[in-house]
Amino acid sequence: MALYRDPRDKRVFVPKPGGGLVLNFGHPVAWTILICTTVVPFTIVAIVTLAVIL
């Protein structure tokens, strides 16, 4: 599935035709949501895991 990117669309969450929502990656807030909910927690888990193993 391709990412939804439309900088002219001011909505952050856009409804999908089949139901549900998708992030509009043409909006900067969508990137912030992605980073705060995915990248930061993954980094924290990786660092703690490495600290425990080493």
C-alpha atoms as a PDB file:
ATOM      1  CA  MET A   1       0.000   0.000   0.000  1.00  0.00           C
ATOM      2  CA  ALA A   2       1.384   3.396  -0.976  1.00  0.00           C
ATOM      3  CA  LEU A   3       1.641   6.180   1.587  1.00  0.00           C
ATOM      4  CA  TYR A   4      -1.014   8.860   1.377  1.00  0.00           C
ATOM      5  CA  ARG A   5       0.724  12.181   0.648  1.00  0.00           C
ATOM      6  CA  ASP A   6      -1.267  15.247  -0.218  1.00  0.00           C
ATOM      7  CA  PRO A   7       0.193  18.494   1.154  1.00  0.00           C
ATOM      8  CA  ARG A   8      -2.923  20.382   0.031  1.00  0.00           C
ATOM      9  CA  ASP A   9      -5.124  18.205   2.263  1.00  0.00           C
ATOM     10  CA  LYS A  10      -5.085  19.778   5.738  1.00  0.00           C
ATOM     11  CA  ARG A  11      -6.300  16.627   7.515  1.00  0.00           C
ATOM     12  CA  VAL A  12      -3.762  14.541   9.431  1.00  0.00           C
ATOM     13  CA  PHE A  13      -5.981  11.431   9.586  1.00  0.00           C
ATOM     14  CA  VAL A  14      -7.731  10.626   6.310  1.00  0.00           C
ATOM     15  CA  PRO A  15     -10.488   8.000   6.061  1.00  0.00           C
ATOM     16  CA  LYS A  16      -9.743   5.031   3.798  1.00  0.00           C
ATOM     17  CA  PRO A  17     -12.371   3.909   1.287  1.00  0.00           C
ATOM     18  CA  GLY A  18     -12.705   0.477   2.921  1.00  0.00           C
ATOM     19  CA  GLY A  19     -12.870   1.900   6.444  1.00  0.00           C
ATOM     20  CA  GLY A  20     -10.291   2.959   8.961  1.00  0.00           C
ATOM     21  CA  LEU A  21      -7.851   5.840   8.921  1.00  0.00           C
ATOM     22  CA  VAL A  22      -4.503   6.521   7.321  1.00  0.00           C
ATOM     23  CA  LEU A  23      -1.930   9.218   8.112  1.00  0.00           C
ATOM     24  CA  ASN A  24      -1.442  11.990   5.567  1.00  0.00           C
ATOM     25  CA  PHE A  25       2.362  12.087   5.244  1.00  0.00           C
ATOM     26  CA  GLY A  26       2.122  15.387   3.386  1.00  0.00           C
ATOM     27  CA  HIS A  27       1.350  16.952   6.791  1.00  0.00           C
ATOM     28  CA  PRO A  28       4.273  17.525   9.216  1.00  0.00           C
ATOM     29  CA  VAL A  29       2.199  16.402  12.223  1.00  0.00           C
ATOM     30  CA  ALA A  30       1.923  12.925  10.681  1.00  0.00           C
ATOM     31  CA  TRP A  31       5.711  12.598  10.722  1.00  0.00           C
ATOM     32  CA  THR A  32       5.765  13.702  14.368  1.00  0.00           C
ATOM     33  CA  ILE A  33       3.153  11.083  15.248  1.00  0.00           C
ATOM     34  CA  LEU A  34       5.149   8.397  13.424  1.00  0.00           C
ATOM     35  CA  ILE A  35       8.406   9.320  15.161  1.00  0.00           C
ATOM     36  CA  CYS A  36       6.858   9.600  18.638  1.00  0.00           C
ATOM     37  CA  THR A  37       4.925   6.320  18.416  1.00  0.00           C
ATOM     38  CA  THR A  38       7.400   4.158  16.506  1.00  0.00           C
ATOM     39  CA  VAL A  39      10.984   5.388  16.280  1.00  0.00           C
ATOM     40  CA  VAL A  40      11.438   6.676  19.839  1.00  0.00           C
ATOM     41  CA  PRO A  41       9.988   3.587  21.592  1.00  0.00           C
ATOM     42  CA  PHE A  42      11.982   1.259  19.320  1.00  0.00           C
ATOM     43  CA  THR A  43      15.179   3.157  20.136  1.00  0.00           C
ATOM     44  CA  ILE A  44      14.483   2.990  23.874  1.00  0.00           C
ATOM     45  CA  VAL A  45      13.795  -0.754  23.738  1.00  0.00           C
ATOM     46  CA  ALA A  46      16.957  -1.359  21.683  1.00  0.00           C
ATOM     47  CA  ILE A  47      19.133   0.639  24.087  1.00  0.00           C
ATOM     48  CA  VAL A  48      17.709  -1.067  27.191  1.00  0.00           C
ATOM     49  CA  THR A  49      18.040  -4.498  25.570  1.00  0.00           C
ATOM     50  CA  LEU A  50      21.666  -3.852  24.659  1.00  0.00           C
ATOM     51  CA  ALA A  51      22.381  -2.541  28.174  1.00  0.00           C
ATOM     52  CA  VAL A  52      20.947  -5.712  29.730  1.00  0.00           C
ATOM     53  CA  ILE A  53      22.805  -8.033  27.361  1.00  0.00           C
ATOM     54  CA  LEU A  54      26.134  -6.259  27.677  1.00  0.00           C
END
